[in-house]
Amino acid sequence: MSYYDPLRAQTIPRFHERDIRSYWAAITPPATSLNAPLPQRADYVVIGAGYTGLNAATALAERGKDVVVLDAGAIGAGCSSRNAGFVLPGTGRLGFQDYEQRFGEDVAVAVQNEFAASIHHLQNIAKGVEAELQFHPAQYLRLAHTRQHVAALAAQQPLYEPTLLNPEWLDRDALIARHPGLAYAHGGLSVTPAYSVNPAALVQHTANLAEQAGVVIHSGVAVIGCTQVGAHWNLSTSAGDVIADHVLFCTNGYLPKPLFPELSQRHLPVLSSVMVTAPLSSTQRQALGLSAQQLVMDTRILKYYYRLLPDGRLLFGGRGAIQGKNAQHPRYQRDLYHALTTTLPMLAGIQIEFYWQGWISVALDSMPRVFSPAPNTYAALGYCGAGVAFSALAGRRLASLALNEPLPPLPFYQSELPRFPFAQFRRLGQWGFYQYGRLRDRM
């Protein structure tokens, strides 16, 4: 299979995800949309039927706007249906200390409260269908993977006290008592609220809500080109042309480079890989000491993350290949399996039943943005692989921006996504960063 690469391909193929066999696709019936005839004109065209695009479209439709959503793949074809199902109070790669150092304590507290608001937003979306979405309260647990990381992680606990989050520090003894199977557990910071979810079911439910609000969703319709003519956009698609008054780019890591080159230069598509094991035995689950209510991530530069699924399997994820052409190389699955069995030694020899990859969007300064890159043009991206909750709220904020409504005075709403210097060398820089990260993580 030829794997789509947003920095190499001229266009995004229709149903580019068709041959990707994820665990979520295996347990979730495929989404359907009405796919009425493509209109020749719309007030707002949203490119991307993921969490951001669907939430933005719903908010616009609720305000009486004529909204069309286009996606080259199925509904939620990218990260929105293939992520790990971690609903976390945060996004990007910045912590409280980073925001405090850059913007001051008041802004840092407000940022964390916005992250908490993103959790509450998903609670409202899931209300009444929690069981169908496997949407359950959880504990987000950050683990210090070396003794040297303990002090820095422990220092974050008091910083979160003034926020709506609930921080708890667990020392090594407490971690081992609760979770005896964790090999790298020198200390841990627990934060709530957090949730676990079936991401494919969540994006399908979000699409249903959008259609109920009057949004028309077209899956399998690739936007091939877009040209701004005066105050309007002319969009060329695989199903015909559309004129739009406003365009919202909600593609995250899947934005084809030629579609909007100026926007493409402002982020780096990065492959993330996920594997799911065969069901664990009761002995293995007892030795592991994790429940389906824990969402675990470590303090590595190139982080590993994992969770026990409701059916007793273990999901484990980390970074993958740098270029799409190498995505299917067996070494990356071998490397991730080695990381799994090193992190959780009692699972040595366990069978892997699902393995897949997907593109996330990384910002130069590790902070996502909701902004307008051109007149009548709006974009939200750069979640850095931690966007299940925030990307949904970001969609609502993006709709407000498109309606010329004020946004909260937070840094990711008040500035543009910065351009990558020497953007043509982003992959080379990524390779260098990975080498540095692996060296630091081993140390």
Protein backbone atom coordinates (compact mmCIF):
# COMPACT_ATOMS: atom_id res chain seq x y z
CA MET A 1 0.00 0.00 0.00
CA SER A 2 1.27 3.49 -0.84
CA TYR A 3 0.89 5.60 2.29
CA TYR A 4 -0.35 9.18 1.89
CA ASP A 5 2.27 11.80 2.81
CA PRO A 6 0.97 15.40 3.09
CA LEU A 7 4.39 16.89 2.34
CA ARG A 8 4.90 14.77 -0.78
CA ALA A 9 1.53 14.10 -2.41
CA GLN A 10 0.02 16.71 -4.72
CA THR A 11 -3.53 15.82 -3.65
CA ILE A 12 -5.06 13.74 -0.89
CA PRO A 13 -6.53 10.51 -2.32
CA ARG A 14 -10.20 9.81 -1.86
CA PHE A 15 -10.73 7.33 0.98
CA HIS A 16 -7.00 7.38 1.69
CA GLU A 17 -7.61 5.40 4.88
CA ARG A 18 -9.45 2.51 3.20
CA ASP A 19 -6.69 -0.09 3.71
CA ILE A 20 -5.76 0.94 7.26
CA ARG A 21 -6.96 -1.68 9.72
CA SER A 22 -7.35 -0.08 13.12
CA TYR A 23 -8.85 -1.59 16.25
CA TRP A 24 -11.49 1.15 16.37
CA ALA A 25 -12.62 0.45 12.81
CA ALA A 26 -12.91 -3.25 13.66
CA ILE A 27 -15.27 -2.67 16.61
CA THR A 28 -17.25 0.33 15.28
CA PRO A 29 -19.75 0.20 12.40
CA PRO A 30 -18.69 2.54 9.57
CA ALA A 31 -20.12 6.04 9.50
CA THR A 32 -22.51 7.09 6.77
CA SER A 33 -23.55 10.51 5.52
CA LEU A 34 -26.39 11.57 3.27
CA ASN A 35 -24.08 12.82 0.50
CA ALA A 36 -26.74 14.92 -1.20
CA PRO A 37 -25.71 16.54 -4.49
CA LEU A 38 -22.78 18.89 -3.98
CA PRO A 39 -24.08 22.47 -3.92
CA GLN A 40 -22.60 25.04 -6.26
CA ARG A 41 -22.44 27.62 -3.49
CA ALA A 42 -22.33 27.75 0.33
CA ASP A 43 -21.90 30.37 3.02
CA TYR A 44 -19.27 28.27 4.77
CA VAL A 45 -17.29 25.30 3.49
CA VAL A 46 -15.45 23.28 6.11
CA ILE A 47 -12.58 21.11 4.83
CA GLY A 48 -12.18 18.14 7.16
CA ALA A 49 -14.85 16.00 8.85
CA GLY A 50 -13.01 15.40 12.11
CA TYR A 51 -13.61 16.75 15.60
CA THR A 52 -12.64 20.33 14.73
CA GLY A 53 -14.50 20.55 11.44
CA LEU A 54 -17.71 18.92 12.67
CA ASN A 55 -17.86 21.03 15.82
CA ALA A 56 -17.21 24.21 13.84
CA ALA A 57 -19.87 23.27 11.29
CA THR A 58 -22.43 22.50 14.00
CA ALA A 59 -21.82 25.84 15.72
CA LEU A 60 -22.24 27.71 12.42
CA ALA A 61 -25.39 25.80 11.48
CA GLU A 62 -26.88 26.53 14.90
CA ARG A 63 -26.48 30.21 14.01
CA GLY A 64 -28.48 29.73 10.82
CA LYS A 65 -25.58 29.52 8.39
CA ASP A 66 -25.50 27.35 5.27
CA VAL A 67 -22.64 24.92 5.95
CA VAL A 68 -21.06 22.17 3.85
CA VAL A 69 -18.36 19.82 5.17
CA LEU A 70 -16.02 18.11 2.69
CA ASP A 71 -13.62 15.26 3.47
CA ALA A 72 -11.53 13.21 1.06
CA GLY A 73 -11.96 10.17 3.28
CA ALA A 74 -14.78 8.82 5.36
CA ILE A 75 -16.09 10.81 8.31
CA GLY A 76 -13.23 11.18 10.79
CA ALA A 77 -10.83 9.47 8.36
CA GLY A 78 -7.68 10.78 10.03
CA CYS A 79 -6.79 11.22 13.69
CA SER A 80 -10.38 11.65 14.81
CA SER A 81 -11.13 7.95 14.28
CA ARG A 82 -7.66 6.47 14.83
CA ASN A 83 -6.27 8.08 17.99
CA ALA A 84 -5.75 6.37 21.34
CA GLY A 85 -8.98 7.64 22.89
CA PHE A 86 -7.27 9.80 25.54
CA VAL A 87 -9.60 12.66 26.46
CA LEU A 88 -7.13 14.88 28.31
CA PRO A 89 -7.28 18.37 29.83
CA GLY A 90 -4.53 19.71 27.61
CA THR A 91 -3.13 19.92 24.11
CA GLY A 92 0.15 20.63 22.37
CA ARG A 93 3.38 19.90 24.25
CA LEU A 94 3.38 22.78 26.75
CA GLY A 95 2.71 22.38 30.46
CA PHE A 96 1.66 24.86 33.12
CA GLN A 97 5.24 26.01 33.69
CA ASP A 98 5.73 26.73 29.99
CA TYR A 99 2.65 28.95 29.84
CA GLU A 100 3.55 30.63 33.11
CA GLN A 101 7.08 31.45 31.95
CA ARG A 102 5.87 32.80 28.63
CA PHE A 103 2.67 34.58 29.59
CA GLY A 104 2.40 34.81 33.39
CA GLU A 105 0.51 32.92 36.07
CA ASP A 106 -2.95 34.35 35.34
CA VAL A 107 -2.79 33.30 31.70
CA ALA A 108 -1.41 29.88 32.63
CA VAL A 109 -4.36 29.30 35.01
CA ALA A 110 -6.81 30.50 32.36
CA VAL A 111 -5.26 28.12 29.81
CA GLN A 112 -5.71 25.14 32.14
CA ASN A 113 -9.31 26.17 32.78
CA GLU A 114 -9.90 26.29 29.03
CA PHE A 115 -8.56 22.75 28.83
CA ALA A 116 -10.99 21.76 31.57
CA ALA A 117 -13.75 23.46 29.56
CA SER A 118 -12.86 21.24 26.59
CA ILE A 119 -13.55 18.19 28.77
CA HIS A 120 -16.90 19.61 29.80
CA HIS A 121 -17.71 20.30 26.13
CA LEU A 122 -17.22 16.62 25.30
CA GLN A 123 -19.26 15.63 28.33
CA ASN A 124 -22.15 17.59 26.81
CA ILE A 125 -21.65 15.97 23.40
CA ALA A 126 -21.62 12.48 24.93
CA LYS A 127 -24.55 13.08 27.29
CA GLY A 128 -27.00 10.20 27.10
CA VAL A 129 -24.83 8.02 24.85
CA GLU A 130 -21.85 7.45 27.14
CA ALA A 131 -22.11 3.65 26.91
CA GLU A 132 -22.25 3.62 23.11
CA LEU A 133 -19.18 5.88 22.93
CA GLN A 134 -17.32 4.03 25.71
CA PHE A 135 -16.99 7.48 27.24
CA HIS A 136 -15.89 6.86 30.84
CA PRO A 137 -14.25 8.97 33.57
CA ALA A 138 -10.53 8.30 33.77
CA GLN A 139 -7.31 9.35 35.45
CA TYR A 140 -4.56 10.92 33.36
CA LEU A 141 -1.28 9.67 34.79
CA ARG A 142 2.07 11.19 33.77
CA LEU A 143 4.97 8.94 34.79
CA ALA A 144 8.57 10.01 35.42
CA HIS A 145 10.44 7.41 33.37
CA THR A 146 13.77 8.14 35.12
CA ARG A 147 14.71 9.29 38.60
CA GLN A 148 16.04 12.49 37.05
CA HIS A 149 12.54 13.45 35.89
CA VAL A 150 10.91 13.09 39.30
CA ALA A 151 11.68 16.53 40.71
CA ALA A 152 10.49 18.44 37.64
CA LEU A 153 7.28 16.44 37.41
CA ALA A 154 6.56 16.71 41.15
CA ALA A 155 7.07 20.48 40.98
CA GLN A 156 4.08 20.75 38.64
CA GLN A 157 1.62 19.43 41.22
CA PRO A 158 1.24 22.65 43.29
CA LEU A 159 1.08 24.76 40.12
CA TYR A 160 -2.20 23.13 39.09
CA GLU A 161 -3.85 23.79 42.48
CA PRO A 162 -5.45 27.15 41.46
CA THR A 163 -7.00 25.59 38.33
CA LEU A 164 -10.12 23.51 37.75
CA LEU A 165 -7.93 20.42 37.42
CA ASN A 166 -7.30 18.11 40.35
CA PRO A 167 -3.59 17.28 40.66
CA GLU A 168 -2.31 14.45 42.85
CA TRP A 169 1.34 13.43 43.26
CA LEU A 170 2.13 9.71 43.56
CA ASP A 171 5.60 8.74 44.74
CA ARG A 172 7.33 5.56 43.65
CA ASP A 173 6.00 3.47 46.54
CA ALA A 174 2.42 4.57 45.89
CA LEU A 175 2.75 3.83 42.17
CA ILE A 176 4.19 0.36 42.71
CA ALA A 177 1.47 -0.44 45.23
CA ARG A 178 -1.24 0.54 42.76
CA HIS A 179 0.40 -0.49 39.48
CA PRO A 180 3.05 -3.15 40.12
CA GLY A 181 3.67 -3.91 36.45
CA LEU A 182 5.05 -0.51 35.42
CA ALA A 183 8.79 -0.73 34.78
CA TYR A 184 9.31 3.04 34.47
CA ALA A 185 7.41 4.49 37.41
CA HIS A 186 9.68 6.62 39.58
CA GLY A 187 6.87 9.04 40.36
CA GLY A 188 3.63 10.15 38.80
CA LEU A 189 1.32 13.15 38.48
CA SER A 190 -2.39 12.34 38.30
CA VAL A 191 -4.77 14.92 36.78
CA THR A 192 -8.56 14.88 36.43
CA PRO A 193 -11.03 15.41 34.86
CA ALA A 194 -10.09 13.09 32.01
CA TYR A 195 -12.02 10.49 30.04
CA SER A 196 -11.45 7.47 27.85
CA VAL A 197 -13.46 7.08 24.65
CA ASN A 198 -13.90 5.09 21.46
CA PRO A 199 -12.72 7.84 19.08
CA ALA A 200 -14.41 6.40 16.00
CA ALA A 201 -17.76 6.24 17.78
CA LEU A 202 -17.25 9.78 19.09
CA VAL A 203 -16.61 11.28 15.66
CA GLN A 204 -19.59 9.44 14.19
CA HIS A 205 -21.85 10.73 16.95
CA THR A 206 -20.48 14.24 16.41
CA ALA A 207 -21.29 13.93 12.70
CA ASN A 208 -24.85 12.86 13.53
CA LEU A 209 -25.28 15.94 15.71
CA ALA A 210 -23.93 18.12 12.90
CA GLU A 211 -26.40 16.69 10.39
CA GLN A 212 -29.22 17.17 12.88
CA ALA A 213 -28.20 20.83 13.07
CA GLY A 214 -28.52 21.13 9.28
CA VAL A 215 -24.92 20.57 8.17
CA VAL A 216 -24.45 18.75 4.85
CA ILE A 217 -21.49 16.36 5.01
CA HIS A 218 -19.81 14.98 1.90
CA SER A 219 -17.36 12.17 2.53
CA GLY A 220 -15.13 10.90 -0.25
CA VAL A 221 -14.94 14.38 -1.79
CA ALA A 222 -11.36 15.59 -2.09
CA VAL A 223 -10.66 19.32 -2.39
CA ILE A 224 -8.14 19.50 -5.21
CA GLY A 225 -7.57 23.23 -5.40
CA CYS A 226 -8.80 26.48 -3.91
CA THR A 227 -8.50 29.96 -5.35
CA GLN A 228 -9.51 33.17 -3.66
CA VAL A 229 -11.32 35.49 -6.06
CA GLY A 230 -12.21 38.77 -4.43
CA ALA A 231 -14.11 38.02 -1.25
CA HIS A 232 -14.98 34.45 -2.29
CA TRP A 233 -13.28 31.09 -2.63
CA ASN A 234 -13.54 28.87 -5.70
CA LEU A 235 -13.03 25.27 -4.59
CA SER A 236 -12.27 22.53 -7.10
CA THR A 237 -13.23 19.11 -5.78
CA SER A 238 -13.40 15.54 -7.04
CA ALA A 239 -17.19 15.97 -7.25
CA GLY A 240 -17.38 19.42 -8.88
CA ASP A 241 -16.77 23.08 -8.05
CA VAL A 242 -18.10 25.03 -5.09
CA ILE A 243 -18.08 28.78 -4.43
CA ALA A 244 -17.81 29.65 -0.75
CA ASP A 245 -17.98 32.93 1.12
CA HIS A 246 -15.82 31.50 3.90
CA VAL A 247 -13.52 28.48 4.11
CA LEU A 248 -12.48 26.70 7.31
CA PHE A 249 -9.39 24.49 7.13
CA CYS A 250 -9.85 21.70 9.68
CA THR A 251 -7.48 19.16 8.14
CA ASN A 252 -4.92 19.02 10.98
CA GLY A 253 -2.02 16.79 9.83
CA TYR A 254 -3.68 15.78 6.55
CA LEU A 255 -3.49 19.13 4.72
CA PRO A 256 -2.04 18.51 1.22
CA LYS A 257 0.88 20.85 0.63
CA PRO A 258 -0.35 22.38 -2.68
CA LEU A 259 -3.86 23.09 -1.40
CA PHE A 260 -2.80 26.06 0.74
CA PRO A 261 1.03 26.25 0.72
CA GLU A 262 1.18 29.24 3.04
CA LEU A 263 -0.75 27.30 5.69
CA SER A 264 1.16 24.08 5.05
CA GLN A 265 4.43 25.85 5.96
CA ARG A 266 3.09 26.57 9.45
CA HIS A 267 2.98 23.00 10.77
CA LEU A 268 4.77 19.67 10.54
CA PRO A 269 2.82 16.46 9.80
CA VAL A 270 4.23 13.71 12.03
CA LEU A 271 3.38 10.01 11.96
CA SER A 272 2.13 8.46 15.19
CA SER A 273 1.86 4.67 15.52
CA VAL A 274 -0.51 2.60 17.63
CA MET A 275 -0.71 -1.11 18.37
CA VAL A 276 -3.35 -3.14 20.20
CA THR A 277 -2.62 -6.51 21.75
CA ALA A 278 -4.64 -9.66 22.04
CA PRO A 279 -6.79 -9.72 25.20
CA LEU A 280 -4.68 -9.96 28.35
CA SER A 281 -5.19 -12.91 30.65
CA SER A 282 -6.45 -12.29 34.17
CA THR A 283 -2.94 -13.05 35.44
CA GLN A 284 -1.42 -10.46 33.11
CA ARG A 285 -3.99 -7.82 34.07
CA GLN A 286 -3.36 -8.47 37.76
CA ALA A 287 0.41 -8.23 37.27
CA LEU A 288 0.00 -5.03 35.27
CA GLY A 289 -2.17 -3.35 37.87
CA LEU A 290 -3.89 -0.99 35.45
CA SER A 291 -7.62 -0.59 34.97
CA ALA A 292 -9.45 0.87 31.99
CA GLN A 293 -9.73 4.08 34.01
CA GLN A 294 -6.01 4.95 33.71
CA LEU A 295 -4.55 6.81 30.73
CA VAL A 296 -0.76 6.67 31.00
CA MET A 297 1.93 8.76 29.33
CA ASP A 298 5.61 9.06 30.23
CA THR A 299 8.02 11.99 30.36
CA ARG A 300 10.15 11.00 27.36
CA ILE A 301 10.78 13.55 24.65
CA LEU A 302 9.47 10.89 22.25
CA LYS A 303 6.63 9.82 24.49
CA TYR A 304 4.99 6.44 24.89
CA TYR A 305 1.34 6.26 25.91
CA TYR A 306 -0.86 3.33 26.80
CA ARG A 307 -4.17 2.24 28.28
CA LEU A 308 -6.09 -0.92 29.07
CA LEU A 309 -9.14 -1.17 26.82
CA PRO A 310 -12.60 -2.20 28.06
CA ASP A 311 -12.27 -5.63 26.40
CA GLY A 312 -9.00 -6.37 28.21
CA ARG A 313 -6.58 -5.56 25.39
CA LEU A 314 -3.73 -3.11 25.81
CA LEU A 315 -3.28 -0.13 23.50
CA PHE A 316 0.27 1.22 23.19
CA GLY A 317 1.45 4.12 21.04
CA GLY A 318 4.46 6.20 20.09
CA ARG A 319 6.10 7.95 17.13
CA GLY A 320 6.63 6.19 13.79
CA ALA A 321 8.45 6.76 10.52
CA ILE A 322 9.42 10.24 9.37
CA GLN A 323 8.19 9.92 5.78
CA GLY A 324 5.01 8.32 4.56
CA LYS A 325 6.87 6.07 2.14
CA ASN A 326 8.44 4.31 5.14
CA ALA A 327 5.28 4.05 7.24
CA GLN A 328 4.78 0.33 6.59
CA HIS A 329 8.39 -0.71 7.12
CA PRO A 330 8.43 -3.59 9.65
CA ARG A 331 11.14 -1.96 11.78
CA TYR A 332 8.71 0.60 13.18
CA GLN A 333 6.32 -2.05 14.42
CA ARG A 334 9.27 -3.97 15.87
CA ASP A 335 10.54 -0.84 17.60
CA LEU A 336 7.15 -0.06 19.11
CA TYR A 337 6.71 -3.66 20.25
CA HIS A 338 10.15 -3.51 21.91
CA ALA A 339 9.07 -0.31 23.68
CA LEU A 340 5.86 -1.99 24.86
CA THR A 341 7.62 -5.04 26.32
CA THR A 342 10.37 -2.93 27.88
CA THR A 343 7.83 -0.63 29.51
CA LEU A 344 5.54 -3.50 30.56
CA PRO A 345 7.81 -6.56 30.91
CA MET A 346 5.04 -8.92 31.99
CA LEU A 347 3.63 -8.65 28.43
CA ALA A 348 6.73 -10.07 26.74
CA GLY A 349 5.64 -12.39 23.92
CA ILE A 350 2.07 -11.09 23.74
CA GLN A 351 0.47 -11.12 20.30
CA ILE A 352 -0.27 -7.88 18.46
CA GLU A 353 -3.60 -7.98 16.64
CA PHE A 354 -3.81 -4.39 15.33
CA TYR A 355 -1.16 -1.91 14.20
CA TRP A 356 -1.72 1.36 12.35
CA GLN A 357 -0.37 4.88 11.84
CA GLY A 358 -1.75 8.35 11.28
CA TRP A 359 -0.63 11.95 10.78
CA ILE A 360 -0.75 14.44 13.61
CA SER A 361 0.00 18.15 13.28
CA VAL A 362 2.92 19.64 15.23
CA ALA A 363 3.37 23.38 15.73
CA LEU A 364 6.81 24.99 15.70
CA ASP A 365 6.33 26.31 19.24
CA SER A 366 4.35 23.25 20.43
CA MET A 367 1.15 25.29 20.82
CA PRO A 368 -1.93 24.93 18.59
CA ARG A 369 -3.68 27.91 17.06
CA VAL A 370 -7.15 29.00 16.04
CA PHE A 371 -6.57 31.88 13.62
CA SER A 372 -7.30 33.47 10.25
CA PRO A 373 -4.42 33.01 7.77
CA ALA A 374 -6.17 35.08 5.06
CA PRO A 375 -9.40 37.09 4.65
CA ASN A 376 -12.50 34.90 4.97
CA THR A 377 -10.22 31.98 5.75
CA TYR A 378 -9.91 30.25 9.10
CA ALA A 379 -7.82 27.38 10.43
CA ALA A 380 -7.25 25.34 13.58
CA LEU A 381 -4.37 22.88 13.84
CA GLY A 382 -1.15 22.04 15.66
CA TYR A 383 -2.59 19.85 18.44
CA CYS A 384 0.64 17.79 18.62
CA GLY A 385 -1.20 14.50 19.02
CA ALA A 386 -3.18 15.51 22.13
CA GLY A 387 -6.31 17.02 20.68
CA VAL A 388 -9.33 14.79 21.31
CA ALA A 389 -10.92 17.21 23.76
CA PHE A 390 -9.35 20.50 22.76
CA SER A 391 -9.83 20.04 19.00
CA ALA A 392 -13.58 19.74 19.56
CA LEU A 393 -13.71 22.96 21.58
CA ALA A 394 -11.33 24.58 19.08
CA GLY A 395 -13.95 23.90 16.41
CA ARG A 396 -16.49 25.94 18.36
CA ARG A 397 -13.92 28.71 18.84
CA LEU A 398 -13.10 28.61 15.13
CA ALA A 399 -16.77 29.11 14.29
CA SER A 400 -16.84 32.14 16.60
CA LEU A 401 -13.82 33.56 14.80
CA ALA A 402 -15.51 33.02 11.43
CA LEU A 403 -18.55 34.90 12.78
CA ASN A 404 -16.31 37.77 13.89
CA GLU A 405 -17.05 37.11 17.54
CA PRO A 406 -14.43 37.71 20.25
CA LEU A 407 -12.44 34.74 21.51
CA PRO A 408 -11.09 34.22 25.03
CA PRO A 409 -7.84 36.18 25.60
CA LEU A 410 -5.62 33.09 25.47
CA PRO A 411 -2.38 32.78 23.50
CA PHE A 412 -3.57 30.12 21.07
CA TYR A 413 -6.53 32.34 20.06
CA GLN A 414 -4.66 35.62 19.84
CA SER A 415 -1.74 34.84 17.52
CA GLU A 416 -1.03 33.07 14.26
CA LEU A 417 0.60 29.69 13.91
CA PRO A 418 4.27 30.53 13.33
CA ARG A 419 5.94 29.51 10.09
CA PHE A 420 8.69 26.92 10.11
CA PRO A 421 11.93 28.56 9.01
CA PHE A 422 13.39 26.77 5.99
CA ALA A 423 10.13 24.81 5.73
CA GLN A 424 11.52 22.64 2.93
CA PHE A 425 13.91 21.10 5.48
CA ARG A 426 11.29 20.26 8.12
CA ARG A 427 11.74 16.52 7.73
CA LEU A 428 15.51 16.85 8.10
CA GLY A 429 14.96 18.85 11.27
CA GLN A 430 12.52 16.22 12.49
CA TRP A 431 15.12 13.50 11.92
CA GLY A 432 17.66 15.48 13.95
CA PHE A 433 15.15 16.06 16.74
CA TYR A 434 14.35 12.34 16.87
CA GLN A 435 18.04 11.48 17.19
CA TYR A 436 18.39 14.01 20.00
CA GLY A 437 15.22 12.76 21.68
CA ARG A 438 16.30 9.12 21.59
CA LEU A 439 19.67 10.04 23.07
CA ARG A 440 18.14 12.12 25.85
CA ASP A 441 15.48 9.49 26.60
CA ARG A 442 18.14 6.79 26.97
CA MET A 443 20.09 9.01 29.35
